[in-house]
Amino acid sequence: MATHLALDAIRQISLPSANIERSVEFYRDKLGAKLIAKFDPPGLAFFDCNGVRLLLSGMGGIARWFR
């Protein structure tokens, strides 16, 4: 029996960032995304992008594997 995956909506996207400060400046100042919250440490920033939450994660944790 096959199981089908049905996506309703994407609510959050997470991206690694090598420089959280520059990334915040880019998304907030250049793209106009609304900054919801910033936690430093550990280097996390959340944006509201028309109902989709964008999480920027500093190079700590799992993001270090992508260096």
N, C-alpha and C. Protein backbone atom coordinates (compact mmCIF):
# COMPACT_ATOMS: atom_id res chain seq x y z
N MET A 1 0.84 -1.17 0.00
CA MET A 1 0.00 0.00 0.00
C MET A 1 0.89 1.25 0.00
N ALA A 2 0.66 2.13 -0.93
CA ALA A 2 1.45 3.37 -1.05
C ALA A 2 0.86 4.44 -0.14
N THR A 3 1.76 5.18 0.49
CA THR A 3 1.35 6.30 1.32
C THR A 3 1.69 7.58 0.57
N HIS A 4 0.75 8.48 0.46
CA HIS A 4 0.95 9.74 -0.25
C HIS A 4 1.13 10.87 0.75
N LEU A 5 2.08 11.70 0.48
CA LEU A 5 2.35 12.86 1.31
C LEU A 5 1.60 14.05 0.72
N ALA A 6 0.82 14.70 1.55
CA ALA A 6 0.08 15.88 1.10
C ALA A 6 0.53 17.08 1.94
N LEU A 7 1.11 18.06 1.29
CA LEU A 7 1.51 19.27 1.99
C LEU A 7 0.38 20.27 1.97
N ASP A 8 0.11 20.85 3.13
CA ASP A 8 -0.93 21.87 3.23
C ASP A 8 -0.33 23.24 2.95
N ALA A 9 0.67 23.60 3.74
CA ALA A 9 1.33 24.90 3.58
C ALA A 9 2.69 24.84 4.25
N ILE A 10 3.63 25.59 3.74
CA ILE A 10 4.93 25.70 4.38
C ILE A 10 4.84 26.82 5.40
N ARG A 11 5.17 26.52 6.64
CA ARG A 11 5.06 27.50 7.72
C ARG A 11 6.41 28.09 8.13
N GLN A 12 7.50 27.28 7.98
CA GLN A 12 8.82 27.77 8.38
C GLN A 12 9.89 27.18 7.48
N ILE A 13 10.87 28.03 7.15
CA ILE A 13 12.04 27.62 6.39
C ILE A 13 13.25 28.01 7.23
N SER A 14 14.23 27.12 7.30
CA SER A 14 15.44 27.38 8.06
C SER A 14 16.64 27.41 7.13
N LEU A 15 17.47 28.43 7.30
CA LEU A 15 18.69 28.56 6.49
C LEU A 15 19.88 28.81 7.41
N PRO A 16 21.02 28.17 7.11
CA PRO A 16 22.23 28.47 7.88
C PRO A 16 22.82 29.82 7.46
N SER A 17 23.49 30.46 8.39
CA SER A 17 24.12 31.74 8.10
C SER A 17 25.53 31.76 8.67
N ALA A 18 26.50 32.11 7.85
CA ALA A 18 27.88 32.22 8.31
C ALA A 18 28.09 33.49 9.13
N ASN A 19 27.25 34.51 8.91
CA ASN A 19 27.36 35.78 9.63
C ASN A 19 25.94 36.26 9.92
N ILE A 20 25.45 36.00 11.12
CA ILE A 20 24.06 36.30 11.46
C ILE A 20 23.76 37.79 11.39
N GLU A 21 24.71 38.64 11.79
CA GLU A 21 24.48 40.09 11.75
C GLU A 21 24.28 40.58 10.31
N ARG A 22 25.15 40.17 9.41
CA ARG A 22 25.02 40.58 8.00
C ARG A 22 23.75 40.01 7.39
N SER A 23 23.39 38.80 7.75
CA SER A 23 22.18 38.19 7.23
C SER A 23 20.94 38.93 7.71
N VAL A 24 20.91 39.31 8.98
CA VAL A 24 19.78 40.09 9.51
C VAL A 24 19.68 41.41 8.77
N GLU A 25 20.80 42.09 8.60
CA GLU A 25 20.78 43.36 7.87
C GLU A 25 20.26 43.18 6.45
N PHE A 26 20.67 42.11 5.78
CA PHE A 26 20.23 41.87 4.41
C PHE A 26 18.72 41.64 4.34
N TYR A 27 18.22 40.69 5.12
CA TYR A 27 16.79 40.36 5.05
C TYR A 27 15.91 41.51 5.54
N ARG A 28 16.35 42.21 6.59
CA ARG A 28 15.56 43.31 7.15
C ARG A 28 15.66 44.57 6.30
N ASP A 29 16.90 45.00 6.01
CA ASP A 29 17.11 46.30 5.38
C ASP A 29 17.00 46.27 3.86
N LYS A 30 17.46 45.22 3.23
CA LYS A 30 17.43 45.15 1.76
C LYS A 30 16.14 44.54 1.23
N LEU A 31 15.67 43.46 1.88
CA LEU A 31 14.47 42.78 1.39
C LEU A 31 13.19 43.25 2.09
N GLY A 32 13.33 43.95 3.21
CA GLY A 32 12.16 44.47 3.92
C GLY A 32 11.39 43.43 4.73
N ALA A 33 12.04 42.31 5.06
CA ALA A 33 11.38 41.28 5.87
C ALA A 33 11.25 41.79 7.30
N LYS A 34 10.15 41.43 7.95
CA LYS A 34 9.88 41.87 9.32
C LYS A 34 10.62 40.96 10.30
N LEU A 35 11.54 41.53 11.07
CA LEU A 35 12.27 40.78 12.09
C LEU A 35 11.34 40.52 13.26
N ILE A 36 11.10 39.26 13.58
CA ILE A 36 10.22 38.88 14.69
C ILE A 36 10.99 38.80 15.99
N ALA A 37 12.14 38.11 15.97
CA ALA A 37 12.94 37.93 17.18
C ALA A 37 14.37 37.59 16.80
N LYS A 38 15.29 37.92 17.70
CA LYS A 38 16.70 37.60 17.49
C LYS A 38 17.28 37.14 18.82
N PHE A 39 17.98 36.04 18.80
CA PHE A 39 18.59 35.49 20.00
C PHE A 39 20.08 35.27 19.72
N ASP A 40 20.92 36.07 20.40
CA ASP A 40 22.35 35.98 20.17
C ASP A 40 23.08 36.14 21.49
N PRO A 41 23.65 35.11 22.10
CA PRO A 41 23.68 33.75 21.60
C PRO A 41 22.30 33.09 21.69
N PRO A 42 22.10 32.07 20.93
CA PRO A 42 22.98 31.20 20.18
C PRO A 42 23.16 31.59 18.72
N GLY A 43 22.58 32.69 18.27
CA GLY A 43 22.72 33.08 16.86
C GLY A 43 21.54 32.64 16.03
N LEU A 44 20.34 33.05 16.46
CA LEU A 44 19.11 32.73 15.73
C LEU A 44 18.37 34.03 15.44
N ALA A 45 17.76 34.10 14.27
CA ALA A 45 16.92 35.25 13.92
C ALA A 45 15.70 34.72 13.18
N PHE A 46 14.54 35.27 13.53
CA PHE A 46 13.27 34.86 12.93
C PHE A 46 12.65 36.05 12.19
N PHE A 47 12.18 35.79 10.99
CA PHE A 47 11.52 36.81 10.17
C PHE A 47 10.15 36.33 9.75
N ASP A 48 9.23 37.27 9.55
CA ASP A 48 7.93 36.97 8.96
C ASP A 48 8.00 37.39 7.50
N CYS A 49 7.86 36.43 6.61
CA CYS A 49 7.88 36.68 5.17
C CYS A 49 6.51 36.34 4.60
N ASN A 50 5.57 37.26 4.77
CA ASN A 50 4.19 37.06 4.30
C ASN A 50 3.58 35.76 4.80
N GLY A 51 3.72 35.50 6.10
CA GLY A 51 3.11 34.32 6.69
C GLY A 51 4.00 33.10 6.75
N VAL A 52 5.15 33.14 6.11
CA VAL A 52 6.13 32.05 6.21
C VAL A 52 7.25 32.54 7.11
N ARG A 53 7.52 31.79 8.17
CA ARG A 53 8.58 32.18 9.09
C ARG A 53 9.92 31.72 8.54
N LEU A 54 10.87 32.63 8.50
CA LEU A 54 12.24 32.32 8.08
C LEU A 54 13.10 32.29 9.32
N LEU A 55 13.78 31.18 9.55
CA LEU A 55 14.72 31.04 10.66
C LEU A 55 16.13 31.05 10.10
N LEU A 56 16.92 32.02 10.53
CA LEU A 56 18.34 32.05 10.18
C LEU A 56 19.10 31.52 11.37
N SER A 57 19.94 30.54 11.13
CA SER A 57 20.69 29.90 12.20
C SER A 57 22.18 30.15 11.99
N GLY A 58 22.84 30.68 13.01
CA GLY A 58 24.27 30.90 12.95
C GLY A 58 25.01 29.59 12.77
N MET A 59 26.29 29.65 12.58
CA MET A 59 27.06 28.46 12.22
C MET A 59 27.30 27.50 13.37
N GLY A 60 26.65 27.69 14.51
CA GLY A 60 26.73 26.70 15.59
C GLY A 60 25.80 25.54 15.28
N GLY A 61 25.87 24.51 16.09
CA GLY A 61 24.97 23.38 15.94
C GLY A 61 25.15 22.65 14.62
N ILE A 62 24.07 22.18 14.06
CA ILE A 62 24.11 21.36 12.84
C ILE A 62 24.61 22.15 11.63
N ALA A 63 24.46 23.48 11.63
CA ALA A 63 24.88 24.27 10.49
C ALA A 63 26.38 24.14 10.24
N ARG A 64 27.15 23.80 11.25
CA ARG A 64 28.61 23.70 11.07
C ARG A 64 28.99 22.61 10.08
N TRP A 65 28.11 21.65 9.83
CA TRP A 65 28.41 20.57 8.90
C TRP A 65 28.41 21.04 7.45
N PHE A 66 27.87 22.23 7.18
CA PHE A 66 27.76 22.74 5.82
C PHE A 66 28.89 23.70 5.48
N ARG A 67 29.87 23.84 6.32
CA ARG A 67 31.00 24.75 6.05
C ARG A 67 31.84 24.23 4.93
